[in-house]
Amino acid sequence: MQGMELWAIIPELILATGILILLPVGSFLPRNRRSLNSWFALIVLASAAVATTRMLAWRPSAVFHGTYVVDPLAIFVKLLALSATVLTLLATESHFRGKAREAEVAPLLLLACLGVFGLAASDDLALIALFLQITTVASYILVGIDKQNQRSTEGAVKFFLFSAAAGVVMLYGMALLYGLTGSLSLATIGARLPGMPVVASFVALALIFAGFGYKASIVPFHAWVPDAYQGAAAPIAGFISVAPKAAAFAVLLRTLVTAFPHARPFWSEAIAVIAAITMTVGNVAALRQSSAKRLVAWSSIAQAGYLLVGVAAAILLLHVVSILDTINHRSAVVDLGTAHRSRPDVEALDANAVAHPFFNVDLETVVVGLLLGLDQVHCRQVFLVCGAGELRVEGPARVLIARFRR
């Protein structure tokens, strides 16, 4: 049937089926059997990964009357979300073992992953709003799932309040766009918007950017990030720093390029300025942190600035490199949470860098080193330069030195 191309959403259907099974069944499992939830979720994710990988050979296409797309950007973000969810499940399986909310973690992660899938492929304002809320609701529940932890509750409440405010602002901008163009389709909006009042168009763009900026933790919409990261369990903090953020930048790029191509000279320069501010604020604030989670939170804000550079230039390659950099921060959080739970400070990073030097290798720096054909000595220099230039450990320089201590 035209407009009902279910073959294009097979990965989403697999995830939705897994969620519908886990939510009712997982809660009734005996406490000593609830780890089965994570293993079943891993099977669901593996099935979705196989279905998504098959799409790499497909031609880009729009389905469901042009509201949903299958293209390389969407597939890349989906595979990234699946990878992040798998790693998070493996970490949370031991982190939440035996705890009261163990059964809810796996379906919530699948729900957040489903929201990321939808965000990456949505080409319609209504679907963007829907999947953004799905991702957000699952994320702040995961942040506050440990109700015995006061910081966890505080982080979840701040996350919720900021998401509610940003969501309302974004919906107002979307309503304004619909009023101007009479359509929710990004392609149709892009075709009709040039003939509309310039001021109203820019106001709508600013309001929508505020909603995406909150999700991507862009300055000045970043205030919730440090408390949410500090309150969340280490694997959960790592997850929300990768998958939802990647989806937010993907949908931001798609919205700007598709709905506002005529205003590219304006928004590219404005986003370049915001990127510089975000990088500066994130890195400078990270310098003063003693808590490792808050350090990574502020560093994650700086990563949003790096990703924004790719949005300003509308170049996908910069997104790939920057997302790899964000994954490095996720690995730091998860490793800190699993290996040094009793020491949630920067000193733990130093000790862990010595104990597990390979785990702390920076992915994108390795790629650059391989491409340049650097030998071991020069590769170490590149590691140190990139670490210092991007303030990856934004605290004592001894952490960088400890990574390569013989």
Protein backbone atom coordinates (compact mmCIF):
# COMPACT_ATOMS: atom_id res chain seq x y z
CA MET A 1 0.00 0.00 0.00
CA GLN A 2 1.32 3.42 -0.97
CA GLY A 3 2.49 5.33 2.08
CA MET A 4 2.75 2.19 4.25
CA GLU A 5 6.30 1.05 3.48
CA LEU A 6 6.79 -1.09 6.58
CA TRP A 7 9.98 -2.55 5.12
CA ALA A 8 11.68 0.78 5.84
CA ILE A 9 11.04 0.62 9.59
CA ILE A 10 11.87 -3.02 10.30
CA PRO A 11 14.58 -2.06 12.86
CA GLU A 12 12.12 0.26 14.61
CA LEU A 13 9.49 -2.49 14.67
CA ILE A 14 12.00 -4.92 16.18
CA LEU A 15 12.85 -2.45 18.94
CA ALA A 16 9.18 -1.68 19.62
CA THR A 17 8.38 -5.39 19.86
CA GLY A 18 11.21 -5.92 22.32
CA ILE A 19 9.99 -3.03 24.48
CA LEU A 20 6.42 -4.34 24.53
CA ILE A 21 7.70 -7.75 25.64
CA LEU A 22 10.17 -6.54 28.25
CA LEU A 23 7.99 -3.99 30.00
CA PRO A 24 5.30 -6.38 31.28
CA VAL A 25 7.28 -9.63 31.38
CA GLY A 26 10.54 -8.35 32.90
CA SER A 27 8.87 -6.93 35.99
CA PHE A 28 7.44 -10.34 36.96
CA LEU A 29 10.73 -12.19 36.78
CA PRO A 30 12.30 -13.26 40.08
CA ARG A 31 15.00 -10.88 41.27
CA ASN A 32 17.75 -13.40 40.65
CA ARG A 33 16.54 -13.83 37.04
CA ARG A 34 16.13 -10.20 36.03
CA SER A 35 19.49 -10.14 34.33
CA LEU A 36 17.72 -12.07 31.57
CA ASN A 37 16.17 -8.73 30.56
CA SER A 38 19.55 -7.42 29.50
CA TRP A 39 20.38 -10.52 27.50
CA PHE A 40 17.01 -10.47 25.74
CA ALA A 41 17.53 -6.77 24.99
CA LEU A 42 20.93 -7.59 23.49
CA ILE A 43 19.26 -10.12 21.18
CA VAL A 44 16.73 -7.45 20.15
CA LEU A 45 19.52 -4.96 19.46
CA ALA A 46 21.50 -7.51 17.46
CA SER A 47 18.43 -8.22 15.32
CA ALA A 48 17.86 -4.49 14.78
CA ALA A 49 21.54 -4.07 13.87
CA VAL A 50 21.30 -6.77 11.20
CA ALA A 51 18.18 -5.14 9.74
CA THR A 52 19.82 -1.71 9.80
CA THR A 53 23.05 -2.92 8.23
CA ARG A 54 21.11 -4.34 5.29
CA MET A 55 19.90 -0.81 4.55
CA LEU A 56 23.42 0.35 3.73
CA ALA A 57 22.99 -1.01 0.21
CA TRP A 58 19.66 0.74 -0.32
CA ARG A 59 19.20 3.95 -2.24
CA PRO A 60 18.12 7.00 -0.21
CA SER A 61 14.34 7.19 -0.21
CA ALA A 62 11.45 8.91 1.54
CA VAL A 63 8.60 6.77 2.85
CA PHE A 64 5.26 7.27 4.58
CA HIS A 65 4.32 10.15 2.28
CA GLY A 66 7.70 11.80 2.68
CA THR A 67 7.64 11.99 6.49
CA TYR A 68 10.39 9.40 7.08
CA VAL A 69 13.65 8.90 5.22
CA VAL A 70 16.17 6.12 4.74
CA ASP A 71 19.51 7.70 3.91
CA PRO A 72 23.19 7.38 4.96
CA LEU A 73 22.86 9.98 7.74
CA ALA A 74 19.93 8.17 9.34
CA ILE A 75 21.60 4.76 9.02
CA PHE A 76 24.86 6.04 10.52
CA VAL A 77 23.09 7.50 13.57
CA LYS A 78 21.04 4.32 14.00
CA LEU A 79 24.14 2.13 14.00
CA LEU A 80 25.81 4.52 16.43
CA ALA A 81 22.76 4.38 18.74
CA LEU A 82 22.74 0.58 18.61
CA SER A 83 26.44 0.44 19.49
CA ALA A 84 26.00 2.86 22.40
CA THR A 85 22.98 0.94 23.70
CA VAL A 86 24.79 -2.40 23.54
CA LEU A 87 27.78 -1.02 25.46
CA THR A 88 25.48 0.57 28.02
CA LEU A 89 23.52 -2.65 28.53
CA LEU A 90 26.73 -4.58 29.13
CA ALA A 91 27.78 -2.01 31.74
CA THR A 92 24.39 -1.68 33.45
CA GLU A 93 23.96 -5.44 33.72
CA SER A 94 26.50 -5.48 36.53
CA HIS A 95 25.87 -1.95 37.79
CA PHE A 96 22.17 -2.53 38.56
CA ARG A 97 22.37 -6.22 39.43
CA GLY A 98 20.21 -7.02 42.43
CA LYS A 99 18.77 -3.49 42.68
CA ALA A 100 15.07 -2.70 42.83
CA ARG A 101 14.86 -1.09 39.36
CA GLU A 102 17.00 -3.60 37.52
CA ALA A 103 14.10 -4.85 35.38
CA GLU A 104 13.23 -1.38 34.04
CA VAL A 105 16.68 -0.40 32.76
CA ALA A 106 16.76 -2.58 29.62
CA PRO A 107 13.33 -1.56 28.21
CA LEU A 108 14.04 2.11 28.95
CA LEU A 109 17.31 1.92 27.06
CA LEU A 110 15.51 0.29 24.14
CA LEU A 111 12.88 3.04 24.28
CA ALA A 112 15.55 5.74 24.19
CA CYS A 113 17.23 3.94 21.29
CA LEU A 114 13.89 3.81 19.44
CA GLY A 115 13.50 7.56 19.94
CA VAL A 116 16.98 8.12 18.51
CA PHE A 117 16.08 5.98 15.49
CA GLY A 118 13.00 8.09 14.84
CA LEU A 119 14.81 11.39 15.30
CA ALA A 120 17.55 10.42 12.87
CA ALA A 121 15.10 9.57 10.10
CA SER A 122 12.22 12.02 10.63
CA ASP A 123 11.55 14.51 7.86
CA ASP A 124 8.38 15.92 9.41
CA LEU A 125 7.98 18.35 12.31
CA ALA A 126 5.30 16.27 14.03
CA LEU A 127 7.48 13.14 14.00
CA ILE A 128 10.49 15.12 15.18
CA ALA A 129 8.53 16.42 18.19
CA LEU A 130 7.17 12.93 18.94
CA PHE A 131 10.49 11.10 18.83
CA LEU A 132 12.27 13.89 20.70
CA GLN A 133 9.83 13.46 23.57
CA ILE A 134 10.22 9.67 23.51
CA THR A 135 13.99 10.00 23.79
CA THR A 136 13.75 12.66 26.48
CA VAL A 137 11.24 10.84 28.69
CA ALA A 138 13.26 7.62 28.60
CA SER A 139 16.47 9.57 29.31
CA TYR A 140 15.32 11.45 32.39
CA ILE A 141 13.69 8.33 33.84
CA LEU A 142 17.03 6.56 33.45
CA VAL A 143 18.82 9.48 35.13
CA GLY A 144 16.48 9.35 38.15
CA ILE A 145 15.96 5.59 38.31
CA ASP A 146 17.94 5.31 41.56
CA LYS A 147 15.36 6.97 43.82
CA GLN A 148 17.47 6.41 46.92
CA ASN A 149 20.15 8.73 45.55
CA GLN A 150 19.35 12.40 46.19
CA ARG A 151 21.65 13.59 43.42
CA SER A 152 19.96 11.24 40.99
CA THR A 153 16.56 12.67 41.85
CA GLU A 154 17.84 16.24 41.62
CA GLY A 155 19.43 15.61 38.23
CA ALA A 156 16.26 13.98 36.89
CA VAL A 157 14.06 16.86 38.10
CA LYS A 158 16.31 19.46 36.46
CA PHE A 159 16.41 17.37 33.31
CA PHE A 160 12.61 17.18 33.30
CA LEU A 161 12.05 20.88 33.93
CA PHE A 162 14.49 21.96 31.22
CA SER A 163 13.04 19.44 28.77
CA ALA A 164 9.51 20.68 29.43
CA ALA A 165 10.48 24.33 28.92
CA ALA A 166 12.58 23.63 25.83
CA GLY A 167 9.88 21.38 24.38
CA VAL A 168 7.24 24.09 24.68
CA VAL A 169 9.53 26.65 23.04
CA MET A 170 10.34 24.26 20.19
CA LEU A 171 6.68 23.38 19.62
CA TYR A 172 5.83 27.07 19.42
CA GLY A 173 8.46 27.49 16.72
CA MET A 174 7.08 24.49 14.84
CA ALA A 175 3.56 25.88 15.10
CA LEU A 176 4.81 29.17 13.72
CA LEU A 177 6.41 27.38 10.77
CA TYR A 178 3.18 25.49 10.13
CA GLY A 179 1.23 28.75 10.23
CA LEU A 180 3.60 30.32 7.72
CA THR A 181 3.75 27.44 5.25
CA GLY A 182 0.69 25.28 5.94
CA SER A 183 2.82 22.13 6.08
CA LEU A 184 4.78 20.01 8.56
CA SER A 185 7.04 18.49 5.90
CA LEU A 186 10.57 19.88 6.00
CA ALA A 187 10.89 19.75 2.20
CA THR A 188 7.62 21.61 1.68
CA ILE A 189 8.57 24.18 4.32
CA GLY A 190 11.89 24.73 2.53
CA ALA A 191 10.07 25.36 -0.75
CA ARG A 192 7.46 27.76 0.65
CA LEU A 193 9.38 29.62 3.35
CA PRO A 194 11.40 32.00 1.08
CA GLY A 195 8.18 33.83 0.22
CA MET A 196 7.20 34.34 3.86
CA PRO A 197 8.07 37.26 6.20
CA VAL A 198 11.76 37.16 7.07
CA VAL A 199 11.37 38.13 10.73
CA ALA A 200 8.77 35.45 11.41
CA SER A 201 10.94 32.83 9.68
CA PHE A 202 13.98 33.71 11.78
CA VAL A 203 11.93 33.70 14.98
CA ALA A 204 10.66 30.21 14.15
CA LEU A 205 14.22 29.07 13.41
CA ALA A 206 15.48 30.46 16.72
CA LEU A 207 12.71 28.77 18.72
CA ILE A 208 13.28 25.42 17.05
CA PHE A 209 17.04 25.73 17.54
CA ALA A 210 16.43 26.30 21.25
CA GLY A 211 14.66 22.95 21.49
CA PHE A 212 17.41 21.10 19.65
CA GLY A 213 20.06 23.04 21.54
CA TYR A 214 18.75 21.81 24.87
CA LYS A 215 18.89 18.21 23.72
CA ALA A 216 22.38 18.65 22.30
CA SER A 217 23.57 20.55 25.43
CA ILE A 218 24.58 23.66 23.50
CA VAL A 219 25.32 26.88 25.38
CA PRO A 220 23.14 28.57 26.68
CA PHE A 221 20.79 25.55 26.92
CA HIS A 222 23.24 23.42 28.89
CA ALA A 223 22.49 24.14 32.56
CA TRP A 224 20.90 20.74 33.21
CA VAL A 225 23.90 18.72 31.99
CA PRO A 226 26.33 18.73 34.99
CA ASP A 227 23.67 17.80 37.55
CA ALA A 228 22.11 15.15 35.30
CA TYR A 229 25.48 13.54 34.61
CA GLN A 230 26.51 13.61 38.26
CA GLY A 231 23.21 12.14 39.44
CA ALA A 232 22.96 9.43 36.81
CA ALA A 233 24.67 6.07 37.06
CA ALA A 234 27.96 6.10 35.17
CA PRO A 235 26.77 3.92 32.25
CA ILE A 236 23.59 5.99 31.89
CA ALA A 237 25.57 9.24 31.87
CA GLY A 238 27.71 7.79 29.11
CA PHE A 239 24.66 6.77 27.10
CA ILE A 240 22.92 10.15 27.19
CA SER A 241 26.18 11.81 26.15
CA VAL A 242 26.30 9.85 22.89
CA ALA A 243 23.09 8.50 21.36
CA PRO A 244 20.54 11.28 22.08
CA LYS A 245 23.13 13.95 21.33
CA ALA A 246 24.06 12.39 17.98
CA ALA A 247 20.37 12.21 17.06
CA ALA A 248 19.82 15.84 18.08
CA PHE A 249 22.62 17.01 15.82
CA ALA A 250 21.42 14.81 12.96
CA VAL A 251 17.89 16.22 13.11
CA LEU A 252 19.25 19.75 13.54
CA LEU A 253 21.38 19.36 10.42
CA ARG A 254 18.50 17.84 8.47
CA THR A 255 16.11 20.61 9.55
CA LEU A 256 18.51 23.42 8.67
CA VAL A 257 19.57 22.01 5.31
CA THR A 258 16.08 20.93 4.22
CA ALA A 259 13.77 23.59 5.69
CA PHE A 260 16.09 26.63 5.75
CA PRO A 261 18.46 26.28 2.76
CA HIS A 262 17.74 29.86 1.66
CA ALA A 263 18.92 31.18 5.06
CA ARG A 264 22.18 29.20 5.14
CA PRO A 265 24.47 32.28 5.09
CA PHE A 266 22.68 33.50 8.22
CA TRP A 267 22.41 30.32 10.24
CA SER A 268 25.87 29.02 9.33
CA GLU A 269 27.52 32.16 10.70
CA ALA A 270 25.28 32.27 13.77
CA ILE A 271 25.96 28.60 14.55
CA ALA A 272 29.70 29.13 14.08
CA VAL A 273 29.60 31.83 16.77
CA ILE A 274 27.52 29.61 19.09
CA ALA A 275 29.96 26.75 18.48
CA ALA A 276 32.90 28.91 19.56
CA ILE A 277 31.05 30.03 22.69
CA THR A 278 30.02 26.46 23.53
CA MET A 279 33.56 25.12 23.14
CA THR A 280 35.00 27.90 25.26
CA VAL A 281 32.44 27.68 28.07
CA GLY A 282 32.60 23.88 28.22
CA ASN A 283 36.38 23.66 28.35
CA VAL A 284 36.94 26.58 30.71
CA ALA A 285 34.27 25.36 33.15
CA ALA A 286 35.74 21.84 33.03
CA LEU A 287 39.09 23.17 34.25
CA ARG A 288 37.65 23.89 37.69
CA GLN A 289 35.96 20.53 38.23
CA SER A 290 37.14 17.99 40.80
CA SER A 291 34.29 15.54 40.22
CA ALA A 292 35.03 13.29 37.26
CA LYS A 293 31.38 13.12 36.22
CA ARG A 294 31.01 16.89 36.24
CA LEU A 295 34.28 17.22 34.36
CA VAL A 296 33.03 14.88 31.65
CA ALA A 297 29.69 16.72 31.64
CA TRP A 298 31.34 20.06 30.92
CA SER A 299 33.66 18.39 28.44
CA SER A 300 30.58 16.92 26.76
CA ILE A 301 29.23 20.45 26.41
CA ALA A 302 32.49 21.37 24.69
CA GLN A 303 32.00 18.40 22.35
CA ALA A 304 28.66 19.90 21.36
CA GLY A 305 30.63 22.90 20.16
CA TYR A 306 32.86 20.67 18.05
CA LEU A 307 29.79 19.02 16.54
CA LEU A 308 28.27 22.42 15.83
CA VAL A 309 31.26 23.23 13.63
CA GLY A 310 30.16 20.36 11.41
CA VAL A 311 26.60 21.71 11.37
CA ALA A 312 27.79 25.19 10.44
CA ALA A 313 29.78 23.74 7.56
CA ALA A 314 27.10 21.10 6.82
CA ILE A 315 29.87 18.50 6.45
CA LEU A 316 29.12 14.97 7.64
CA LEU A 317 32.81 14.02 8.07
CA LEU A 318 33.22 16.50 10.91
CA HIS A 319 30.23 14.89 12.61
CA VAL A 320 31.83 11.46 12.39
CA VAL A 321 35.11 12.61 13.94
CA SER A 322 33.36 14.63 16.65
CA ILE A 323 30.99 11.79 17.52
CA LEU A 324 33.99 9.48 17.91
CA ASP A 325 35.39 12.06 20.32
CA THR A 326 32.11 12.02 22.25
CA ILE A 327 32.30 8.23 22.47
CA ASN A 328 35.71 8.64 24.13
CA HIS A 329 34.05 10.66 26.86
CA ARG A 330 31.40 7.99 27.24
CA SER A 331 34.09 5.33 27.70
CA ALA A 332 35.74 7.47 30.35
CA VAL A 333 32.50 7.74 32.34
CA VAL A 334 31.68 4.05 32.10
CA ASP A 335 35.22 3.02 32.98
CA LEU A 336 35.23 5.35 35.98
CA GLY A 337 31.90 3.99 37.16
CA THR A 338 32.89 0.35 36.87
CA ALA A 339 36.51 0.44 38.02
CA HIS A 340 36.52 3.24 40.59
CA ARG A 341 33.03 3.57 42.04
CA SER A 342 34.45 4.54 45.40
CA ARG A 343 36.49 7.39 43.92
CA PRO A 344 34.27 9.60 41.72
CA ASP A 345 36.97 12.22 41.18
CA VAL A 346 39.64 13.18 38.68
CA GLU A 347 42.29 11.22 40.59
CA ALA A 348 40.50 8.03 39.59
CA LEU A 349 41.10 8.86 35.94
CA ASP A 350 44.82 9.08 36.60
CA ALA A 351 44.94 5.69 38.32
CA ASN A 352 42.73 4.13 35.70
CA ALA A 353 44.84 5.49 32.82
CA VAL A 354 47.86 3.67 34.26
CA ALA A 355 45.93 0.45 34.92
CA HIS A 356 44.16 0.38 31.54
CA PRO A 357 46.15 2.47 29.07
CA PHE A 358 44.65 0.94 25.93
CA PHE A 359 41.08 1.59 27.08
CA ASN A 360 41.75 5.31 27.24
CA VAL A 361 43.14 5.64 23.72
CA ASP A 362 41.41 8.39 21.75
CA LEU A 363 39.65 6.88 18.76
CA GLU A 364 39.80 9.80 16.37
CA THR A 365 43.46 10.43 17.18
CA VAL A 366 44.24 6.80 16.32
CA VAL A 367 42.47 7.28 12.99
CA VAL A 368 44.49 10.42 12.27
CA GLY A 369 47.69 8.65 13.28
CA LEU A 370 47.00 5.73 10.99
CA LEU A 371 46.16 8.02 8.10
CA LEU A 372 49.35 10.01 8.55
CA GLY A 373 51.47 6.88 8.95
CA LEU A 374 53.05 8.14 12.17
CA ASP A 375 55.48 6.04 14.11
CA GLN A 376 55.02 5.37 17.83
CA VAL A 377 56.97 8.40 19.05
CA HIS A 378 55.13 10.85 16.82
CA CYS A 379 51.82 9.19 17.58
CA ARG A 380 52.38 9.85 21.28
CA GLN A 381 53.02 13.49 20.51
CA VAL A 382 49.76 13.64 18.55
CA PHE A 383 47.92 12.10 21.50
CA LEU A 384 49.33 14.72 23.85
CA VAL A 385 48.68 17.62 21.48
CA CYS A 386 45.09 16.54 20.76
CA GLY A 387 44.44 15.88 24.44
CA ALA A 388 45.75 19.30 25.44
CA GLY A 389 44.16 21.15 22.53
CA GLU A 390 40.71 19.74 23.18
CA LEU A 391 41.20 19.71 26.96
CA ARG A 392 40.08 16.12 26.99
CA VAL A 393 40.98 15.63 30.63
CA GLU A 394 40.64 19.33 31.40
CA GLY A 395 42.26 18.91 34.76
CA PRO A 396 45.71 17.86 35.86
CA ALA A 397 48.11 17.26 32.99
CA ARG A 398 49.39 14.20 34.80
CA VAL A 399 46.37 12.26 33.53
CA LEU A 400 47.59 12.72 29.97
CA ILE A 401 51.12 11.78 31.01
CA ALA A 402 49.87 8.76 32.94
CA ARG A 403 48.23 7.38 29.82
CA PHE A 404 51.60 6.90 28.17
CA ARG A 405 53.74 6.16 31.22
CA ARG A 406 55.94 3.15 30.64
